[in-house]
Amino acid sequence: MDVKKVGEVHSYDEFTGYAYIRLCAVLKCGDTVHFLGHGSDFQQPVAALQIENDAIVQANAGDLVAVKTIKPVKRSTNIYILST
């Protein structure tokens, strides 16, 4: 399984459960990502992506996107995309 860093958590909203991620690579809905670092170590599929409350299907490097997470995450947590 190949692993590639796709971004880093910029901030997390505890009320909504959304992580705001600054991307360094392309991320698409349906991708499986691994949150690793600062107490986090879990994988989840990307069910939806948002930029400024607008739903999108793909985001590019440099974008700040919102992703709903299954667990809380902390700032600077690394996100890796998993591919087989």
Protein backbone atom coordinates (compact mmCIF):
# COMPACT_ATOMS: atom_id res chain seq x y z
CA MET A 1 0.00 0.00 0.00
CA ASP A 2 1.39 3.38 -1.03
CA VAL A 3 1.11 6.33 1.35
CA LYS A 4 1.46 9.99 0.34
CA LYS A 5 1.09 13.10 2.49
CA VAL A 6 -1.89 15.09 1.28
CA GLY A 7 -2.11 17.82 3.90
CA GLU A 8 -2.09 19.03 7.48
CA VAL A 9 -4.86 20.03 9.87
CA HIS A 10 -5.10 23.81 10.06
CA SER A 11 -7.89 23.80 12.68
CA TYR A 12 -10.71 21.67 14.04
CA ASP A 13 -14.27 22.68 14.93
CA GLU A 14 -15.39 20.60 17.93
CA PHE A 15 -19.03 21.68 17.52
CA THR A 16 -19.40 20.48 13.92
CA GLY A 17 -16.70 17.79 13.86
CA TYR A 18 -15.02 19.29 10.79
CA ALA A 19 -11.27 19.40 10.28
CA TYR A 20 -9.97 22.25 8.15
CA ILE A 21 -7.07 20.92 6.12
CA ARG A 22 -4.42 22.79 4.12
CA LEU A 23 -3.67 20.51 1.18
CA CYS A 24 -0.28 19.84 -0.39
CA ALA A 25 -1.68 17.40 -2.99
CA VAL A 26 -4.96 16.58 -4.75
CA LEU A 27 -7.76 15.12 -2.58
CA LYS A 28 -11.03 13.68 -3.91
CA CYS A 29 -14.28 12.44 -2.42
CA GLY A 30 -14.01 8.70 -1.94
CA ASP A 31 -10.28 8.74 -1.13
CA THR A 32 -9.25 6.96 2.07
CA VAL A 33 -7.08 9.09 4.34
CA HIS A 34 -5.01 8.40 7.45
CA PHE A 35 -4.85 11.02 10.21
CA LEU A 36 -1.56 10.58 12.07
CA GLY A 37 0.13 12.61 14.79
CA HIS A 38 -0.65 14.67 17.88
CA GLY A 39 -2.62 11.81 19.44
CA SER A 40 -4.48 10.80 16.26
CA ASP A 41 -4.00 7.54 14.40
CA PHE A 42 -7.07 6.51 12.38
CA GLN A 43 -8.25 6.01 8.82
CA GLN A 44 -11.49 7.06 7.18
CA PRO A 45 -12.95 7.62 3.72
CA VAL A 46 -13.52 11.19 2.57
CA ALA A 47 -17.31 11.29 2.29
CA ALA A 48 -17.52 14.99 1.38
CA LEU A 49 -15.28 17.99 0.78
CA GLN A 50 -16.18 21.63 1.28
CA ILE A 51 -14.55 24.95 0.50
CA GLU A 52 -16.26 27.89 2.22
CA ASN A 53 -19.43 25.79 2.76
CA ASP A 54 -19.66 24.82 -0.94
CA ALA A 55 -19.57 21.10 -1.70
CA ILE A 56 -16.85 20.02 -4.12
CA VAL A 57 -15.66 16.64 -5.44
CA GLN A 58 -11.95 17.43 -5.75
CA ALA A 59 -9.53 19.91 -4.18
CA ASN A 60 -6.01 20.85 -5.20
CA ALA A 61 -2.73 21.62 -3.46
CA GLY A 62 -2.94 24.93 -1.58
CA ASP A 63 -6.70 24.70 -0.95
CA LEU A 64 -8.13 24.91 2.56
CA VAL A 65 -10.88 22.29 2.73
CA ALA A 66 -13.31 21.07 5.37
CA VAL A 67 -13.67 17.32 6.00
CA LYS A 68 -15.96 15.78 8.60
CA THR A 69 -13.91 13.44 10.78
CA ILE A 70 -14.94 10.40 12.78
CA LYS A 71 -12.71 11.51 15.70
CA PRO A 72 -11.40 14.86 16.95
CA VAL A 73 -8.03 15.96 15.55
CA LYS A 74 -5.51 18.57 16.61
CA ARG A 75 -3.77 21.31 14.66
CA SER A 76 -0.74 20.14 12.66
CA THR A 77 -1.96 16.52 12.47
CA ASN A 78 -0.68 15.06 9.19
CA ILE A 79 -3.08 13.54 6.66
CA TYR A 80 -1.94 10.83 4.28
CA ILE A 81 -3.81 9.41 1.30
CA LEU A 82 -3.84 5.62 1.06
CA SER A 83 -3.74 3.88 -2.30
CA THR A 84 -3.28 0.27 -3.24
